[in-house]
Protein backbone atom coordinates (compact mmCIF):
# COMPACT_ATOMS: atom_id res chain seq x y z
CA LYS A 1 -11.93 18.01 24.16
CA VAL A 2 -10.70 14.56 25.11
CA ILE A 3 -7.17 13.52 24.23
CA THR A 4 -5.68 10.45 25.79
CA ARG A 5 -2.64 8.23 25.31
CA SER A 6 -2.96 4.61 24.29
CA ASP A 7 -1.22 3.44 27.46
CA VAL A 8 -3.71 5.13 29.82
CA TYR A 9 -6.07 2.58 31.30
CA GLY A 10 -9.61 3.29 32.33
CA ARG A 11 -11.89 6.01 31.13
CA PRO A 12 -10.22 9.34 30.33
CA LYS A 13 -11.46 12.43 32.11
CA LEU A 14 -14.34 13.82 30.04
CA LEU A 15 -14.20 17.58 29.84
CA GLN A 16 -17.30 18.22 27.74
CA PRO A 17 -19.98 15.62 27.08
CA GLY A 18 -21.92 15.86 23.83
CA ASN A 19 -21.10 15.87 20.14
CA ARG A 20 -17.68 14.80 18.99
CA GLU A 21 -15.55 16.13 16.14
CA TRP A 22 -12.77 14.44 14.24
CA VAL A 23 -9.15 15.53 14.52
CA THR A 24 -6.06 14.57 12.54
CA ALA A 25 -3.14 13.01 14.41
CA ILE A 26 0.26 12.90 12.74
CA GLU A 27 2.23 9.99 14.15
CA SER A 28 5.88 9.23 13.39
CA VAL A 29 7.68 6.05 14.40
CA CYS A 30 11.34 5.16 13.90
CA ALA A 31 12.35 1.65 12.83
CA THR A 32 13.98 1.20 16.25
CA GLY A 33 10.63 1.77 17.98
CA TRP A 34 11.19 5.35 19.12
CA SER A 35 8.38 7.76 18.20
CA LEU A 36 8.03 11.49 17.86
CA PRO A 37 5.51 13.20 20.12
CA THR A 38 2.04 13.30 18.57
CA TYR A 39 0.99 16.27 16.44
CA ILE A 40 -2.79 16.89 16.53
CA ILE A 41 -4.76 19.13 14.17
CA PHE A 42 -8.13 20.49 15.30
CA LYS A 43 -10.86 22.18 13.32
CA ALA A 44 -10.70 25.58 14.98
CA LYS A 45 -9.95 29.24 14.50
CA GLU A 46 -8.13 29.44 17.86
CA LEU A 47 -7.02 26.90 20.47
CA GLN A 48 -7.56 27.57 24.15
CA ASP A 49 -4.73 26.47 26.43
CA GLY A 50 -7.20 25.52 29.17
CA TRP A 51 -8.53 22.68 27.00
CA PHE A 52 -5.23 20.84 27.16
CA ASP A 53 -3.87 20.96 30.70
CA LEU A 54 -2.67 17.36 30.93
CA LEU A 55 -1.13 16.63 27.53
CA PRO A 56 1.81 14.25 27.42
CA GLU A 57 5.19 15.93 27.14
CA GLY A 58 6.14 17.15 23.69
CA TRP A 59 2.73 16.81 22.05
CA ARG A 60 2.03 19.63 19.57
CA LEU A 61 -1.34 21.11 18.67
CA ASP A 62 -2.35 22.93 15.52
CA LYS A 63 -5.53 24.13 13.87
CA SER A 64 -7.03 24.29 10.41
CA ASP A 65 -10.39 25.23 8.96
CA ASN A 66 -11.37 21.59 8.45
CA TRP A 67 -9.03 19.54 10.79
CA TRP A 68 -7.05 18.27 7.79
CA THR A 69 -3.37 18.67 7.11
CA THR A 70 -2.67 21.59 4.79
CA ASP A 71 0.49 22.36 2.81
CA GLU A 72 1.36 25.00 5.43
CA ILE A 73 0.84 22.58 8.34
CA GLY A 74 2.95 19.97 6.55
CA ILE A 75 5.82 22.47 6.25
CA LYS A 76 5.39 23.58 9.86
CA TRP A 77 5.41 19.94 11.06
CA LEU A 78 8.57 19.22 9.04
CA GLN A 79 10.49 22.33 10.16
CA ASN A 80 9.32 22.72 13.75
CA HIS A 81 8.63 19.14 14.78
CA PHE A 82 10.23 16.42 12.66
CA ILE A 83 13.60 18.04 11.98
CA PRO A 84 14.34 19.21 15.56
CA GLU A 85 13.11 15.97 17.15
CA THR A 86 15.03 13.68 14.78
CA ASN A 87 18.20 15.81 14.83
CA LYS A 88 18.56 14.83 18.49
CA ARG A 89 18.69 11.12 17.64
CA ARG A 90 20.08 10.68 14.16
CA LYS A 91 23.18 8.56 13.75
CA GLY A 92 24.20 9.31 10.17
CA ALA A 93 24.09 12.21 7.77
CA HIS A 94 20.72 11.28 6.25
CA ARG A 95 17.25 10.43 7.48
CA LEU A 96 14.58 8.47 5.62
CA LEU A 97 11.04 9.82 5.88
CA VAL A 98 8.32 7.46 4.66
CA LEU A 99 5.17 9.45 3.88
CA ASP A 100 1.61 8.41 3.17
CA GLY A 101 1.33 10.29 -0.14
CA HIS A 102 -0.92 13.07 1.18
CA GLY A 103 -0.77 16.20 -0.98
CA SER A 104 0.77 18.27 1.83
CA HIS A 105 3.94 16.17 1.48
CA LEU A 106 4.18 16.59 -2.27
CA THR A 107 5.01 20.27 -2.60
CA PRO A 108 8.23 21.75 -4.01
CA GLN A 109 8.86 23.60 -0.72
CA PHE A 110 8.53 20.35 1.29
CA ASP A 111 11.01 18.64 -1.06
CA GLU A 112 13.42 21.59 -0.84
CA ILE A 113 13.41 21.60 2.97
CA CYS A 114 14.02 17.83 2.94
CA ALA A 115 16.97 18.23 0.57
CA GLN A 116 18.48 21.04 2.67
CA ASN A 117 18.29 18.84 5.78
CA ASN A 118 19.51 15.53 4.28
CA ILE A 119 16.05 13.96 4.54
CA ILE A 120 15.12 11.41 1.90
CA PRO A 121 11.32 11.45 1.50
CA ILE A 122 9.63 8.35 0.09
CA CYS A 123 5.92 8.60 -0.65
CA MET A 124 3.75 5.52 -0.54
CA PRO A 125 0.74 5.34 -2.86
CA THR A 126 -2.24 7.33 -1.57
CA HIS A 127 -4.52 5.46 0.88
CA SER A 128 -2.04 2.63 1.44
CA SER A 129 -0.54 3.47 4.86
CA HIS A 130 -2.77 0.82 6.49
CA LEU A 131 -0.70 -1.80 4.65
CA LEU A 132 2.35 -1.07 6.83
């Protein structure tokens, strides 16, 4: 597995040459330029800690059967990643969360958790996040 930051120059250390697989990376950026640590989803049944010795601080890893975000992963990201990380930095009572319209963000449970935590979710039309 090869995971590298955008600010690392040169070739990253290659742990296993050969075929590559896609992963999903959930990225979150505040209007002030601050960003949450990356959340990466692998296609896997289990993740081995030895694969990820040199991850940047705060990065989170998860797994799914097909490396896509599921409803459960969306809830887990919201509760265990977005809410705790943004609670540390929020200045007012509410937070605005602009979403890409993926189905994992459009569940009643996701909306309920947002409401309970003063998060205002706004969903963009599907497949339009590249327009930002």
